[in-house]
Amino acid sequence: MVDERPDWARRMVEERAARDWSQTDAVRALMVRLPDDQVVSEQDLLRQWKRWEAGDAQPVKYRSAIAQTFGTTTGAFFPERSRRDGRAEILQVSPPDPFGCALPA
């Protein structure tokens, strides 16, 4: 069976399991890293955590604190897919090949 959850959702489960944490343990570790304006009840956050691990919701405003909980950076834990086309950018700035060799597709 193929796991279709986002990479970050699978990583949340893997990181938690590597620490032998229950979901409640993970939520408690997260709560101490939340700014005052993001603090909610443990029960509410646990409900959200379960949704995040299932890939049913994205932890948009909690990404930084989740990454900190697992000792990494937001960009490493929740990498953004590049919208850039590196090949097109190279072709735009590269001079024509005087030998007529095309770049592989």
C-alpha atoms as a PDB file:
ATOM      1  CA  MET A   1       0.000   0.000   0.000  1.00  0.00           C
ATOM      2  CA  VAL A   2       1.335   3.425  -0.963  1.00  0.00           C
ATOM      3  CA  ASP A   3       1.529   6.079   1.726  1.00  0.00           C
ATOM      4  CA  GLU A   4       0.122   9.197   0.084  1.00  0.00           C
ATOM      5  CA  ARG A   5       0.609  11.514   3.030  1.00  0.00           C
ATOM      6  CA  PRO A   6       2.852  14.526   2.510  1.00  0.00           C
ATOM      7  CA  ASP A   7       6.522  14.014   3.357  1.00  0.00           C
ATOM      8  CA  TRP A   8       6.266  16.319   6.370  1.00  0.00           C
ATOM      9  CA  ALA A   9       3.370  14.250   7.814  1.00  0.00           C
ATOM     10  CA  ARG A  10       5.368  11.027   7.529  1.00  0.00           C
ATOM     11  CA  ARG A  11       8.386  12.771   9.015  1.00  0.00           C
ATOM     12  CA  MET A  12       6.368  13.936  12.024  1.00  0.00           C
ATOM     13  CA  VAL A  13       5.480  10.309  12.761  1.00  0.00           C
ATOM     14  CA  GLU A  14       9.048   9.097  12.167  1.00  0.00           C
ATOM     15  CA  GLU A  15      10.641  11.796  14.320  1.00  0.00           C
ATOM     16  CA  ARG A  16       8.172  11.180  17.127  1.00  0.00           C
ATOM     17  CA  ALA A  17       8.708   7.411  16.964  1.00  0.00           C
ATOM     18  CA  ALA A  18      12.495   7.853  16.952  1.00  0.00           C
ATOM     19  CA  ARG A  19      12.155   9.590  20.307  1.00  0.00           C
ATOM     20  CA  ASP A  20       9.717   6.983  21.588  1.00  0.00           C
ATOM     21  CA  TRP A  21       7.151   9.728  22.158  1.00  0.00           C
ATOM     22  CA  SER A  22       3.412   9.288  22.203  1.00  0.00           C
ATOM     23  CA  GLN A  23       1.398  11.910  20.377  1.00  0.00           C
ATOM     24  CA  THR A  24       0.669  13.470  23.765  1.00  0.00           C
ATOM     25  CA  ASP A  25       4.415  13.608  24.536  1.00  0.00           C
ATOM     26  CA  ALA A  26       5.046  15.330  21.205  1.00  0.00           C
ATOM     27  CA  VAL A  27       2.287  17.865  21.844  1.00  0.00           C
ATOM     28  CA  ARG A  28       3.718  18.670  25.266  1.00  0.00           C
ATOM     29  CA  ALA A  29       7.180  19.167  23.734  1.00  0.00           C
ATOM     30  CA  LEU A  30       5.619  21.403  21.085  1.00  0.00           C
ATOM     31  CA  MET A  31       3.646  23.477  23.580  1.00  0.00           C
ATOM     32  CA  VAL A  32       6.767  24.759  25.356  1.00  0.00           C
ATOM     33  CA  ARG A  33       8.042  26.120  22.031  1.00  0.00           C
ATOM     34  CA  LEU A  34       4.881  27.973  21.033  1.00  0.00           C
ATOM     35  CA  PRO A  35       4.753  31.758  21.179  1.00  0.00           C
ATOM     36  CA  ASP A  36       2.159  33.110  23.590  1.00  0.00           C
ATOM     37  CA  ASP A  37      -0.244  34.012  20.795  1.00  0.00           C
ATOM     38  CA  GLN A  38      -0.348  30.380  19.568  1.00  0.00           C
ATOM     39  CA  VAL A  39      -0.932  28.599  22.858  1.00  0.00           C
ATOM     40  CA  VAL A  40      -4.076  26.461  22.882  1.00  0.00           C
ATOM     41  CA  SER A  41      -5.257  23.653  25.123  1.00  0.00           C
ATOM     42  CA  GLU A  42      -3.368  20.380  25.084  1.00  0.00           C
ATOM     43  CA  GLN A  43      -6.524  18.576  23.924  1.00  0.00           C
ATOM     44  CA  ASP A  44      -7.027  20.956  20.997  1.00  0.00           C
ATOM     45  CA  LEU A  45      -3.399  20.684  19.970  1.00  0.00           C
ATOM     46  CA  LEU A  46      -3.475  16.888  20.269  1.00  0.00           C
ATOM     47  CA  ARG A  47      -6.514  16.784  17.987  1.00  0.00           C
ATOM     48  CA  GLN A  48      -4.612  18.951  15.498  1.00  0.00           C
ATOM     49  CA  TRP A  49      -1.464  16.828  15.818  1.00  0.00           C
ATOM     50  CA  LYS A  50      -3.414  13.738  14.825  1.00  0.00           C
ATOM     51  CA  ARG A  51      -4.766  15.559  11.765  1.00  0.00           C
ATOM     52  CA  TRP A  52      -1.261  16.697  10.835  1.00  0.00           C
ATOM     53  CA  GLU A  53       0.245  13.205  11.112  1.00  0.00           C
ATOM     54  CA  ALA A  54      -2.612  11.842   9.000  1.00  0.00           C
ATOM     55  CA  GLY A  55      -1.896  14.512   6.389  1.00  0.00           C
ATOM     56  CA  ASP A  56      -5.459  15.816   6.710  1.00  0.00           C
ATOM     57  CA  ALA A  57      -4.363  19.366   7.570  1.00  0.00           C
ATOM     58  CA  GLN A  58      -1.210  21.436   7.234  1.00  0.00           C
ATOM     59  CA  PRO A  59       0.336  22.909  10.383  1.00  0.00           C
ATOM     60  CA  VAL A  60       0.841  26.278   8.732  1.00  0.00           C
ATOM     61  CA  LYS A  61       1.249  28.511  11.781  1.00  0.00           C
ATOM     62  CA  TYR A  62       2.960  25.774  13.823  1.00  0.00           C
ATOM     63  CA  ARG A  63       5.685  24.788  11.341  1.00  0.00           C
ATOM     64  CA  SER A  64       8.513  26.650  13.044  1.00  0.00           C
ATOM     65  CA  ALA A  65       7.669  25.258  16.483  1.00  0.00           C
ATOM     66  CA  ILE A  66       7.307  21.713  15.107  1.00  0.00           C
ATOM     67  CA  ALA A  67      10.717  21.953  13.453  1.00  0.00           C
ATOM     68  CA  GLN A  68      12.235  23.265  16.696  1.00  0.00           C
ATOM     69  CA  THR A  69      10.596  20.417  18.617  1.00  0.00           C
ATOM     70  CA  PHE A  70      12.520  17.974  16.447  1.00  0.00           C
ATOM     71  CA  GLY A  71      15.768  19.947  16.488  1.00  0.00           C
ATOM     72  CA  THR A  72      15.766  21.196  12.921  1.00  0.00           C
ATOM     73  CA  THR A  73      14.785  24.183  10.822  1.00  0.00           C
ATOM     74  CA  THR A  74      11.453  24.983   9.247  1.00  0.00           C
ATOM     75  CA  GLY A  75      12.920  24.840   5.745  1.00  0.00           C
ATOM     76  CA  ALA A  76      14.454  21.417   6.370  1.00  0.00           C
ATOM     77  CA  PHE A  77      11.315  19.939   7.913  1.00  0.00           C
ATOM     78  CA  PHE A  78       8.826  21.577   5.546  1.00  0.00           C
ATOM     79  CA  PRO A  79      10.737  22.108   2.290  1.00  0.00           C
ATOM     80  CA  GLU A  80       8.996  24.202  -0.317  1.00  0.00           C
ATOM     81  CA  ARG A  81       8.779  22.745  -3.777  1.00  0.00           C
ATOM     82  CA  SER A  82      10.686  24.879  -6.215  1.00  0.00           C
ATOM     83  CA  ARG A  83       8.609  26.688  -8.779  1.00  0.00           C
ATOM     84  CA  ARG A  84      11.695  27.537 -10.742  1.00  0.00           C
ATOM     85  CA  ASP A  85      12.697  25.824 -13.933  1.00  0.00           C
ATOM     86  CA  GLY A  86      16.459  25.627 -13.531  1.00  0.00           C
ATOM     87  CA  ARG A  87      16.976  24.255 -17.015  1.00  0.00           C
ATOM     88  CA  ALA A  88      15.113  27.159 -18.609  1.00  0.00           C
ATOM     89  CA  GLU A  89      17.085  29.640 -16.507  1.00  0.00           C
ATOM     90  CA  ILE A  90      20.384  28.119 -17.615  1.00  0.00           C
ATOM     91  CA  LEU A  91      19.357  28.196 -21.261  1.00  0.00           C
ATOM     92  CA  GLN A  92      18.389  31.869 -20.944  1.00  0.00           C
ATOM     93  CA  VAL A  93      21.798  32.969 -19.671  1.00  0.00           C
ATOM     94  CA  SER A  94      24.073  30.447 -21.403  1.00  0.00           C
ATOM     95  CA  PRO A  95      25.646  31.485 -24.681  1.00  0.00           C
ATOM     96  CA  PRO A  96      24.895  29.344 -27.695  1.00  0.00           C
ATOM     97  CA  ASP A  97      27.103  26.273 -27.988  1.00  0.00           C
ATOM     98  CA  PRO A  98      29.628  26.937 -30.756  1.00  0.00           C
ATOM     99  CA  PHE A  99      30.016  23.219 -31.314  1.00  0.00           C
ATOM    100  CA  GLY A 100      26.311  22.568 -31.827  1.00  0.00           C
ATOM    101  CA  CYS A 101      26.047  20.193 -28.867  1.00  0.00           C
ATOM    102  CA  ALA A 102      22.596  20.315 -27.355  1.00  0.00           C
ATOM    103  CA  LEU A 103      22.003  19.812 -23.656  1.00  0.00           C
ATOM    104  CA  PRO A 104      20.328  16.496 -22.909  1.00  0.00           C
ATOM    105  CA  ALA A 105      16.612  16.721 -22.315  1.00  0.00           C
END
